[in-house]
């Protein structure tokens, strides 16, 4: 069986979601040797998913916690600026947004 670490297609994964969903993705990524990046709203600045990722960056505007996770330009900008090779949309929020997939 091939070594999953040697076969991984990318090194750093940004998860564009929050809470338990993001934590589950982080756990799987870590098992594969992939570094993780979290995004979080101002209101989630103390949320566990922020601390479970290897790196974490704020997105959105204070007072708009849901919009932060729908901020396609902001999330893509973070991914590019930190060198994320891929973005996992999680569930809900952006997972079914074709515009996000194209971005």
PDB file of N, CA and C in Angstrom:
ATOM      1  N   UNK A   1       0.847  -1.178   0.000  1.00  0.00           N
ATOM      2  CA  UNK A   1       0.000   0.000   0.000  1.00  0.00           C
ATOM      3  C   UNK A   1       0.892   1.240   0.000  1.00  0.00           C
ATOM      4  N   UNK A   2       0.595   2.223  -0.860  1.00  0.00           N
ATOM      5  CA  UNK A   2       1.436   3.422  -0.934  1.00  0.00           C
ATOM      6  C   UNK A   2       1.359   4.265   0.339  1.00  0.00           C
ATOM      7  N   UNK A   3       2.438   4.922   0.617  1.00  0.00           N
ATOM      8  CA  UNK A   3       2.506   5.823   1.769  1.00  0.00           C
ATOM      9  C   UNK A   3       1.677   7.069   1.475  1.00  0.00           C
ATOM     10  N   UNK A   4       0.611   7.361   2.281  1.00  0.00           N
ATOM     11  CA  UNK A   4      -0.234   8.528   1.988  1.00  0.00           C
ATOM     12  C   UNK A   4       0.512   9.851   2.090  1.00  0.00           C
ATOM     13  N   UNK A   5       1.541   9.909   2.914  1.00  0.00           N
ATOM     14  CA  UNK A   5       2.299  11.153   3.040  1.00  0.00           C
ATOM     15  C   UNK A   5       3.091  11.414   1.762  1.00  0.00           C
ATOM     16  N   UNK A   6       3.680  10.375   1.200  1.00  0.00           N
ATOM     17  CA  UNK A   6       4.462  10.537  -0.025  1.00  0.00           C
ATOM     18  C   UNK A   6       3.578  10.857  -1.224  1.00  0.00           C
ATOM     19  N   UNK A   7       2.327  10.404  -1.189  1.00  0.00           N
ATOM     20  CA  UNK A   7       1.425  10.570  -2.329  1.00  0.00           C
ATOM     21  C   UNK A   7       0.526  11.805  -2.241  1.00  0.00           C
ATOM     22  N   UNK A   8       0.640  12.579  -1.198  1.00  0.00           N
ATOM     23  CA  UNK A   8      -0.284  13.708  -1.038  1.00  0.00           C
ATOM     24  C   UNK A   8      -0.092  14.742  -2.149  1.00  0.00           C
ATOM     25  N   UNK A   9      -1.198  15.202  -2.707  1.00  0.00           N
ATOM     26  CA  UNK A   9      -1.114  16.140  -3.833  1.00  0.00           C
ATOM     27  C   UNK A   9      -0.877  17.592  -3.415  1.00  0.00           C
ATOM     28  N   UNK A  10      -1.034  17.894  -2.145  1.00  0.00           N
ATOM     29  CA  UNK A  10      -0.810  19.263  -1.683  1.00  0.00           C
ATOM     30  C   UNK A  10      -0.274  19.242  -0.263  1.00  0.00           C
ATOM     31  N   UNK A  11       0.291  20.364   0.150  1.00  0.00           N
ATOM     32  CA  UNK A  11       0.959  20.473   1.444  1.00  0.00           C
ATOM     33  C   UNK A  11       0.153  21.227   2.495  1.00  0.00           C
ATOM     34  N   UNK A  12      -0.695  22.166   2.035  1.00  0.00           N
ATOM     35  CA  UNK A  12      -1.418  23.024   2.979  1.00  0.00           C
ATOM     36  C   UNK A  12      -2.858  23.197   2.516  1.00  0.00           C
ATOM     37  N   UNK A  13      -3.796  22.957   3.436  1.00  0.00           N
ATOM     38  CA  UNK A  13      -5.227  22.981   3.150  1.00  0.00           C
ATOM     39  C   UNK A  13      -5.929  24.036   3.998  1.00  0.00           C
ATOM     40  N   UNK A  14      -6.637  24.950   3.344  1.00  0.00           N
ATOM     41  CA  UNK A  14      -7.478  25.905   4.064  1.00  0.00           C
ATOM     42  C   UNK A  14      -8.879  25.312   4.144  1.00  0.00           C
ATOM     43  N   UNK A  15      -9.471  25.327   5.329  1.00  0.00           N
ATOM     44  CA  UNK A  15     -10.837  24.838   5.516  1.00  0.00           C
ATOM     45  C   UNK A  15     -11.742  26.045   5.696  1.00  0.00           C
ATOM     46  N   UNK A  16     -12.648  26.230   4.741  1.00  0.00           N
ATOM     47  CA  UNK A  16     -13.535  27.403   4.726  1.00  0.00           C
ATOM     48  C   UNK A  16     -14.823  27.099   5.475  1.00  0.00           C
ATOM     49  N   UNK A  17     -14.685  26.674   6.718  1.00  0.00           N
ATOM     50  CA  UNK A  17     -15.835  26.357   7.546  1.00  0.00           C
ATOM     51  C   UNK A  17     -15.421  26.518   8.991  1.00  0.00           C
ATOM     52  N   UNK A  18     -16.298  26.163   9.898  1.00  0.00           N
ATOM     53  CA  UNK A  18     -16.044  26.415  11.305  1.00  0.00           C
ATOM     54  C   UNK A  18     -16.430  25.212  12.155  1.00  0.00           C
ATOM     55  N   UNK A  19     -16.153  25.290  13.409  1.00  0.00           N
ATOM     56  CA  UNK A  19     -16.637  24.368  14.420  1.00  0.00           C
ATOM     57  C   UNK A  19     -16.241  22.911  14.160  1.00  0.00           C
ATOM     58  N   UNK A  20     -17.144  21.993  14.523  1.00  0.00           N
ATOM     59  CA  UNK A  20     -16.865  20.558  14.438  1.00  0.00           C
ATOM     60  C   UNK A  20     -16.530  20.105  13.019  1.00  0.00           C
ATOM     61  N   UNK A  21     -17.183  20.689  12.039  1.00  0.00           N
ATOM     62  CA  UNK A  21     -16.905  20.315  10.647  1.00  0.00           C
ATOM     63  C   UNK A  21     -15.441  20.590  10.318  1.00  0.00           C
ATOM     64  N   UNK A  22     -14.977  21.775  10.629  1.00  0.00           N
ATOM     65  CA  UNK A  22     -13.581  22.126  10.350  1.00  0.00           C
ATOM     66  C   UNK A  22     -12.625  21.236  11.140  1.00  0.00           C
ATOM     67  N   UNK A  23     -12.937  20.979  12.388  1.00  0.00           N
ATOM     68  CA  UNK A  23     -12.063  20.159  13.233  1.00  0.00           C
ATOM     69  C   UNK A  23     -11.915  18.756  12.661  1.00  0.00           C
ATOM     70  N   UNK A  24     -12.995  18.183  12.141  1.00  0.00           N
ATOM     71  CA  UNK A  24     -12.917  16.848  11.536  1.00  0.00           C
ATOM     72  C   UNK A  24     -12.016  16.853  10.303  1.00  0.00           C
ATOM     73  N   UNK A  25     -12.134  17.894   9.495  1.00  0.00           N
ATOM     74  CA  UNK A  25     -11.275  17.990   8.306  1.00  0.00           C
ATOM     75  C   UNK A  25      -9.816  18.163   8.736  1.00  0.00           C
ATOM     76  N   UNK A  26      -9.563  18.993   9.746  1.00  0.00           N
ATOM     77  CA  UNK A  26      -8.198  19.189  10.243  1.00  0.00           C
ATOM     78  C   UNK A  26      -7.602  17.854  10.693  1.00  0.00           C
ATOM     79  N   UNK A  27      -8.384  17.087  11.435  1.00  0.00           N
ATOM     80  CA  UNK A  27      -7.895  15.804  11.950  1.00  0.00           C
ATOM     81  C   UNK A  27      -7.475  14.880  10.800  1.00  0.00           C
ATOM     82  N   UNK A  28      -8.325  14.774   9.797  1.00  0.00           N
ATOM     83  CA  UNK A  28      -7.997  13.918   8.647  1.00  0.00           C
ATOM     84  C   UNK A  28      -6.762  14.428   7.909  1.00  0.00           C
ATOM     85  N   UNK A  29      -6.694  15.733   7.724  1.00  0.00           N
ATOM     86  CA  UNK A  29      -5.537  16.318   7.037  1.00  0.00           C
ATOM     87  C   UNK A  29      -4.254  16.055   7.820  1.00  0.00           C
ATOM     88  N   UNK A  30      -4.310  16.223   9.133  1.00  0.00           N
ATOM     89  CA  UNK A  30      -3.119  15.994   9.951  1.00  0.00           C
ATOM     90  C   UNK A  30      -2.661  14.542   9.852  1.00  0.00           C
ATOM     91  N   UNK A  31      -3.616  13.601   9.796  1.00  0.00           N
ATOM     92  CA  UNK A  31      -3.261  12.187   9.656  1.00  0.00           C
ATOM     93  C   UNK A  31      -2.531  11.921   8.341  1.00  0.00           C
ATOM     94  N   UNK A  32      -2.799  12.744   7.340  1.00  0.00           N
ATOM     95  CA  UNK A  32      -2.145  12.609   6.036  1.00  0.00           C
ATOM     96  C   UNK A  32      -0.890  13.475   5.914  1.00  0.00           C
ATOM     97  N   UNK A  33      -0.553  14.177   6.984  1.00  0.00           N
ATOM     98  CA  UNK A  33       0.637  15.019   6.965  1.00  0.00           C
ATOM     99  C   UNK A  33       0.447  16.343   6.256  1.00  0.00           C
ATOM    100  N   UNK A  34      -0.798  16.785   6.148  1.00  0.00           N
ATOM    101  CA  UNK A  34      -1.111  18.045   5.462  1.00  0.00           C
ATOM    102  C   UNK A  34      -1.312  19.140   6.506  1.00  0.00           C
ATOM    103  N   UNK A  35      -0.649  20.261   6.324  1.00  0.00           N
ATOM    104  CA  UNK A  35      -0.823  21.403   7.239  1.00  0.00           C
ATOM    105  C   UNK A  35      -2.191  22.025   7.004  1.00  0.00           C
ATOM    106  N   UNK A  36      -2.763  22.621   8.034  1.00  0.00           N
ATOM    107  CA  UNK A  36      -4.118  23.160   7.936  1.00  0.00           C
ATOM    108  C   UNK A  36      -4.180  24.642   8.271  1.00  0.00           C
ATOM    109  N   UNK A  37      -5.147  25.294   7.638  1.00  0.00           N
ATOM    110  CA  UNK A  37      -5.389  26.719   7.846  1.00  0.00           C
ATOM    111  C   UNK A  37      -6.869  26.901   8.154  1.00  0.00           C
ATOM    112  N   UNK A  38      -7.157  27.614   9.222  1.00  0.00           N
ATOM    113  CA  UNK A  38      -8.537  27.947   9.581  1.00  0.00           C
ATOM    114  C   UNK A  38      -8.808  29.403   9.247  1.00  0.00           C
ATOM    115  N   UNK A  39     -10.060  29.685   8.942  1.00  0.00           N
ATOM    116  CA  UNK A  39     -10.535  31.063   8.888  1.00  0.00           C
ATOM    117  C   UNK A  39     -11.593  31.184   9.968  1.00  0.00           C
ATOM    118  N   UNK A  40     -11.736  32.378  10.511  1.00  0.00           N
ATOM    119  CA  UNK A  40     -12.712  32.557  11.582  1.00  0.00           C
ATOM    120  C   UNK A  40     -13.253  33.977  11.562  1.00  0.00           C
ATOM    121  N   UNK A  41     -14.496  34.097  11.983  1.00  0.00           N
ATOM    122  CA  UNK A  41     -15.114  35.414  12.117  1.00  0.00           C
ATOM    123  C   UNK A  41     -14.653  36.040  13.432  1.00  0.00           C
ATOM    124  N   UNK A  42     -14.864  37.321  13.560  1.00  0.00           N
ATOM    125  CA  UNK A  42     -14.525  38.011  14.811  1.00  0.00           C
ATOM    126  C   UNK A  42     -15.212  37.328  15.994  1.00  0.00           C
ATOM    127  N   UNK A  43     -16.467  36.953  15.799  1.00  0.00           N
ATOM    128  CA  UNK A  43     -17.238  36.328  16.874  1.00  0.00           C
ATOM    129  C   UNK A  43     -16.715  34.935  17.224  1.00  0.00           C
ATOM    130  N   UNK A  44     -16.027  34.287  16.302  1.00  0.00           N
ATOM    131  CA  UNK A  44     -15.468  32.953  16.542  1.00  0.00           C
ATOM    132  C   UNK A  44     -13.989  32.991  16.914  1.00  0.00           C
ATOM    133  N   UNK A  45     -13.488  34.148  17.303  1.00  0.00           N
ATOM    134  CA  UNK A  45     -12.052  34.270  17.553  1.00  0.00           C
ATOM    135  C   UNK A  45     -11.567  33.377  18.700  1.00  0.00           C
ATOM    136  N   UNK A  46     -12.474  32.907  19.556  1.00  0.00           N
ATOM    137  CA  UNK A  46     -12.095  31.993  20.635  1.00  0.00           C
ATOM    138  C   UNK A  46     -12.621  30.580  20.397  1.00  0.00           C
ATOM    139  N   UNK A  47     -13.146  30.315  19.215  1.00  0.00           N
ATOM    140  CA  UNK A  47     -13.708  29.000  18.891  1.00  0.00           C
ATOM    141  C   UNK A  47     -12.592  27.958  18.754  1.00  0.00           C
ATOM    142  N   UNK A  48     -12.917  26.733  19.093  1.00  0.00           N
ATOM    143  CA  UNK A  48     -11.929  25.658  19.102  1.00  0.00           C
ATOM    144  C   UNK A  48     -11.303  25.404  17.735  1.00  0.00           C
ATOM    145  N   UNK A  49     -12.079  25.538  16.672  1.00  0.00           N
ATOM    146  CA  UNK A  49     -11.507  25.238  15.351  1.00  0.00           C
ATOM    147  C   UNK A  49     -10.321  26.150  15.033  1.00  0.00           C
ATOM    148  N   UNK A  50     -10.353  27.358  15.553  1.00  0.00           N
ATOM    149  CA  UNK A  50      -9.241  28.291  15.315  1.00  0.00           C
ATOM    150  C   UNK A  50      -7.940  27.741  15.893  1.00  0.00           C
ATOM    151  N   UNK A  51      -8.031  27.081  17.024  1.00  0.00           N
ATOM    152  CA  UNK A  51      -6.843  26.600  17.724  1.00  0.00           C
ATOM    153  C   UNK A  51      -6.408  25.197  17.294  1.00  0.00           C
ATOM    154  N   UNK A  52      -7.276  24.465  16.633  1.00  0.00           N
ATOM    155  CA  UNK A  52      -6.941  23.116  16.162  1.00  0.00           C
ATOM    156  C   UNK A  52      -6.173  23.134  14.840  1.00  0.00           C
ATOM    157  N   UNK A  53      -6.255  24.220  14.116  1.00  0.00           N
ATOM    158  CA  UNK A  53      -5.534  24.335  12.843  1.00  0.00           C
ATOM    159  C   UNK A  53      -4.082  24.733  13.103  1.00  0.00           C
ATOM    160  N   UNK A  54      -3.236  24.462  12.131  1.00  0.00           N
ATOM    161  CA  UNK A  54      -1.836  24.880  12.241  1.00  0.00           C
ATOM    162  C   UNK A  54      -1.697  26.395  12.165  1.00  0.00           C
ATOM    163  N   UNK A  55      -2.572  27.017  11.380  1.00  0.00           N
ATOM    164  CA  UNK A  55      -2.594  28.475  11.233  1.00  0.00           C
ATOM    165  C   UNK A  55      -4.053  28.915  11.223  1.00  0.00           C
ATOM    166  N   UNK A  56      -4.320  30.147  11.630  1.00  0.00           N
ATOM    167  CA  UNK A  56      -5.692  30.667  11.615  1.00  0.00           C
ATOM    168  C   UNK A  56      -5.679  32.161  11.319  1.00  0.00           C
ATOM    169  N   UNK A  57      -6.652  32.584  10.496  1.00  0.00           N
ATOM    170  CA  UNK A  57      -6.711  33.977  10.062  1.00  0.00           C
ATOM    171  C   UNK A  57      -8.150  34.481  10.092  1.00  0.00           C
ATOM    172  N   UNK A  58      -8.340  35.731  10.501  1.00  0.00           N
ATOM    173  CA  UNK A  58      -9.698  36.299  10.524  1.00  0.00           C
ATOM    174  C   UNK A  58     -10.188  36.636   9.120  1.00  0.00           C
ATOM    175  N   UNK A  59     -11.495  36.508   8.930  1.00  0.00           N
ATOM    176  CA  UNK A  59     -12.149  36.938   7.690  1.00  0.00           C
ATOM    177  C   UNK A  59     -13.427  37.671   8.065  1.00  0.00           C
ATOM    178  N   UNK A  60     -13.903  38.483   7.157  1.00  0.00           N
ATOM    179  CA  UNK A  60     -15.177  39.159   7.369  1.00  0.00           C
ATOM    180  C   UNK A  60     -15.076  40.393   8.235  1.00  0.00           C
ATOM    181  N   UNK A  61     -16.261  40.878   8.601  1.00  0.00           N
ATOM    182  CA  UNK A  61     -16.410  42.103   9.372  1.00  0.00           C
ATOM    183  C   UNK A  61     -17.039  41.789  10.724  1.00  0.00           C
ATOM    184  N   UNK A  62     -16.535  42.360  11.824  1.00  0.00           N
ATOM    185  CA  UNK A  62     -17.181  42.141  13.116  1.00  0.00           C
ATOM    186  C   UNK A  62     -18.668  42.481  13.045  1.00  0.00           C
ATOM    187  N   UNK A  63     -19.470  41.664  13.697  1.00  0.00           N
ATOM    188  CA  UNK A  63     -20.913  41.872  13.706  1.00  0.00           C
ATOM    189  C   UNK A  63     -21.644  41.121  12.611  1.00  0.00           C
ATOM    190  N   UNK A  64     -20.887  40.460  11.730  1.00  0.00           N
ATOM    191  CA  UNK A  64     -21.487  39.686  10.635  1.00  0.00           C
ATOM    192  C   UNK A  64     -20.858  38.291  10.602  1.00  0.00           C
ATOM    193  N   UNK A  65     -21.102  37.482  11.637  1.00  0.00           N
ATOM    194  CA  UNK A  65     -20.399  36.202  11.742  1.00  0.00           C
ATOM    195  C   UNK A  65     -20.691  35.208  10.619  1.00  0.00           C
ATOM    196  N   UNK A  66     -21.903  35.157  10.121  1.00  0.00           N
ATOM    197  CA  UNK A  66     -22.225  34.218   9.046  1.00  0.00           C
ATOM    198  C   UNK A  66     -21.622  34.691   7.728  1.00  0.00           C
ATOM    199  N   UNK A  67     -21.709  35.983   7.469  1.00  0.00           N
ATOM    200  CA  UNK A  67     -21.143  36.524   6.222  1.00  0.00           C
ATOM    201  C   UNK A  67     -19.653  36.264   6.097  1.00  0.00           C
ATOM    202  N   UNK A  68     -18.959  36.197   7.216  1.00  0.00           N
ATOM    203  CA  UNK A  68     -17.518  35.942   7.171  1.00  0.00           C
ATOM    204  C   UNK A  68     -17.222  34.636   6.442  1.00  0.00           C
ATOM    205  N   UNK A  69     -18.028  33.619   6.688  1.00  0.00           N
ATOM    206  CA  UNK A  69     -17.804  32.308   6.079  1.00  0.00           C
ATOM    207  C   UNK A  69     -18.369  32.221   4.661  1.00  0.00           C
ATOM    208  N   UNK A  70     -18.989  33.285   4.203  1.00  0.00           N
ATOM    209  CA  UNK A  70     -19.494  33.378   2.833  1.00  0.00           C
ATOM    210  C   UNK A  70     -18.671  34.366   2.004  1.00  0.00           C
ATOM    211  N   UNK A  71     -17.634  34.921   2.599  1.00  0.00           N
ATOM    212  CA  UNK A  71     -16.802  35.944   1.965  1.00  0.00           C
ATOM    213  C   UNK A  71     -15.796  35.295   1.006  1.00  0.00           C
ATOM    214  N   UNK A  72     -16.263  34.998  -0.203  1.00  0.00           N
ATOM    215  CA  UNK A  72     -15.416  34.301  -1.178  1.00  0.00           C
ATOM    216  C   UNK A  72     -14.109  35.048  -1.444  1.00  0.00           C
ATOM    217  N   UNK A  73     -14.143  36.352  -1.772  1.00  0.00           N
ATOM    218  CA  UNK A  73     -12.870  37.049  -2.021  1.00  0.00           C
ATOM    219  C   UNK A  73     -11.943  37.025  -0.801  1.00  0.00           C
ATOM    220  N   UNK A  74     -12.506  37.175   0.386  1.00  0.00           N
ATOM    221  CA  UNK A  74     -11.688  37.169   1.598  1.00  0.00           C
ATOM    222  C   UNK A  74     -11.037  35.823   1.851  1.00  0.00           C
ATOM    223  N   UNK A  75     -11.799  34.757   1.678  1.00  0.00           N
ATOM    224  CA  UNK A  75     -11.276  33.410   1.904  1.00  0.00           C
ATOM    225  C   UNK A  75     -10.219  33.060   0.859  1.00  0.00           C
ATOM    226  N   UNK A  76     -10.491  33.358  -0.393  1.00  0.00           N
ATOM    227  CA  UNK A  76      -9.515  33.078  -1.456  1.00  0.00           C
ATOM    228  C   UNK A  76      -8.247  33.905  -1.239  1.00  0.00           C
ATOM    229  N   UNK A  77      -8.410  35.142  -0.801  1.00  0.00           N
ATOM    230  CA  UNK A  77      -7.255  35.996  -0.529  1.00  0.00           C
ATOM    231  C   UNK A  77      -6.378  35.408   0.572  1.00  0.00           C
ATOM    232  N   UNK A  78      -7.003  34.936   1.645  1.00  0.00           N
ATOM    233  CA  UNK A  78      -6.237  34.307   2.723  1.00  0.00           C
ATOM    234  C   UNK A  78      -5.505  33.084   2.182  1.00  0.00           C
ATOM    235  N   UNK A  79      -6.213  32.244   1.435  1.00  0.00           N
ATOM    236  CA  UNK A  79      -5.594  31.024   0.894  1.00  0.00           C
ATOM    237  C   UNK A  79      -4.358  31.355   0.062  1.00  0.00           C
ATOM    238  N   UNK A  80      -4.482  32.340  -0.799  1.00  0.00           N
ATOM    239  CA  UNK A  80      -3.348  32.723  -1.648  1.00  0.00           C
ATOM    240  C   UNK A  80      -2.210  33.313  -0.825  1.00  0.00           C
ATOM    241  N   UNK A  81      -2.540  34.171   0.124  1.00  0.00           N
ATOM    242  CA  UNK A  81      -1.494  34.862   0.887  1.00  0.00           C
ATOM    243  C   UNK A  81      -0.702  33.925   1.796  1.00  0.00           C
ATOM    244  N   UNK A  82      -1.319  32.827   2.233  1.00  0.00           N
ATOM    245  CA  UNK A  82      -0.612  31.905   3.129  1.00  0.00           C
ATOM    246  C   UNK A  82      -0.068  30.682   2.402  1.00  0.00           C
ATOM    247  N   UNK A  83      -0.283  30.620   1.092  1.00  0.00           N
ATOM    248  CA  UNK A  83       0.250  29.515   0.306  1.00  0.00           C
ATOM    249  C   UNK A  83      -0.516  28.213   0.423  1.00  0.00           C
ATOM    250  N   UNK A  84      -1.818  28.297   0.677  1.00  0.00           N
ATOM    251  CA  UNK A  84      -2.633  27.077   0.717  1.00  0.00           C
ATOM    252  C   UNK A  84      -2.757  26.515  -0.700  1.00  0.00           C
ATOM    253  N   UNK A  85      -2.557  25.220  -0.828  1.00  0.00           N
ATOM    254  CA  UNK A  85      -2.632  24.554  -2.130  1.00  0.00           C
ATOM    255  C   UNK A  85      -4.064  24.178  -2.501  1.00  0.00           C
ATOM    256  N   UNK A  86      -4.936  24.099  -1.493  1.00  0.00           N
ATOM    257  CA  UNK A  86      -6.317  23.679  -1.730  1.00  0.00           C
ATOM    258  C   UNK A  86      -7.221  24.296  -0.675  1.00  0.00           C
ATOM    259  N   UNK A  87      -8.509  24.355  -0.998  1.00  0.00           N
ATOM    260  CA  UNK A  87      -9.524  24.841  -0.054  1.00  0.00           C
ATOM    261  C   UNK A  87     -10.601  23.774   0.063  1.00  0.00           C
ATOM    262  N   UNK A  88     -10.897  23.380   1.286  1.00  0.00           N
ATOM    263  CA  UNK A  88     -12.008  22.456   1.550  1.00  0.00           C
ATOM    264  C   UNK A  88     -13.185  23.314   2.000  1.00  0.00           C
ATOM    265  N   UNK A  89     -14.331  23.233   1.312  1.00  0.00           N
ATOM    266  CA  UNK A  89     -15.457  24.100   1.667  1.00  0.00           C
ATOM    267  C   UNK A  89     -16.234  23.661   2.896  1.00  0.00           C
ATOM    268  N   UNK A  90     -16.005  22.445   3.399  1.00  0.00           N
ATOM    269  CA  UNK A  90     -16.800  21.949   4.510  1.00  0.00           C
ATOM    270  C   UNK A  90     -18.211  21.634   4.051  1.00  0.00           C
ATOM    271  N   UNK A  91     -19.194  21.890   4.917  1.00  0.00           N
ATOM    272  CA  UNK A  91     -20.598  21.645   4.602  1.00  0.00           C
ATOM    273  C   UNK A  91     -21.356  22.952   4.733  1.00  0.00           C
ATOM    274  N   UNK A  92     -22.441  23.102   3.980  1.00  0.00           N
ATOM    275  CA  UNK A  92     -23.205  24.345   4.044  1.00  0.00           C
ATOM    276  C   UNK A  92     -22.376  25.494   3.511  1.00  0.00           C
ATOM    277  N   UNK A  93     -22.585  26.669   4.034  1.00  0.00           N
ATOM    278  CA  UNK A  93     -21.881  27.882   3.632  1.00  0.00           C
ATOM    279  C   UNK A  93     -21.541  27.880   2.143  1.00  0.00           C
ATOM    280  N   UNK A  94     -20.323  27.504   1.784  1.00  0.00           N
ATOM    281  CA  UNK A  94     -19.847  27.610   0.398  1.00  0.00           C
ATOM    282  C   UNK A  94     -19.790  26.280  -0.346  1.00  0.00           C
ATOM    283  N   UNK A  95     -20.140  25.192   0.305  1.00  0.00           N
ATOM    284  CA  UNK A  95     -19.941  23.873  -0.300  1.00  0.00           C
ATOM    285  C   UNK A  95     -20.751  23.640  -1.568  1.00  0.00           C
ATOM    286  N   UNK A  96     -21.860  24.333  -1.723  1.00  0.00           N
ATOM    287  CA  UNK A  96     -22.691  24.160  -2.917  1.00  0.00           C
ATOM    288  C   UNK A  96     -22.727  25.416  -3.779  1.00  0.00           C
ATOM    289  N   UNK A  97     -21.752  26.278  -3.598  1.00  0.00           N
ATOM    290  CA  UNK A  97     -21.699  27.540  -4.321  1.00  0.00           C
ATOM    291  C   UNK A  97     -20.757  27.408  -5.525  1.00  0.00           C
ATOM    292  N   UNK A  98     -21.333  27.384  -6.720  1.00  0.00           N
ATOM    293  CA  UNK A  98     -20.531  27.229  -7.939  1.00  0.00           C
ATOM    294  C   UNK A  98     -19.551  28.387  -8.124  1.00  0.00           C
ATOM    295  N   UNK A  99     -19.940  29.581  -7.697  1.00  0.00           N
ATOM    296  CA  UNK A  99     -19.049  30.734  -7.796  1.00  0.00           C
ATOM    297  C   UNK A  99     -17.789  30.546  -6.965  1.00  0.00           C
ATOM    298  N   UNK A 100     -17.924  29.914  -5.819  1.00  0.00           N
ATOM    299  CA  UNK A 100     -16.766  29.641  -4.973  1.00  0.00           C
ATOM    300  C   UNK A 100     -15.849  28.627  -5.654  1.00  0.00           C
ATOM    301  N   UNK A 101     -16.425  27.612  -6.254  1.00  0.00           N
ATOM    302  CA  UNK A 101     -15.618  26.603  -6.952  1.00  0.00           C
ATOM    303  C   UNK A 101     -14.827  27.235  -8.096  1.00  0.00           C
ATOM    304  N   UNK A 102     -15.429  28.190  -8.771  1.00  0.00           N
ATOM    305  CA  UNK A 102     -14.737  28.855  -9.879  1.00  0.00           C
ATOM    306  C   UNK A 102     -13.651  29.814  -9.383  1.00  0.00           C
ATOM    307  N   UNK A 103     -13.827  30.360  -8.188  1.00  0.00           N
ATOM    308  CA  UNK A 103     -12.867  31.334  -7.654  1.00  0.00           C
ATOM    309  C   UNK A 103     -11.552  30.651  -7.353  1.00  0.00           C
TER     310      UNK A 103
END
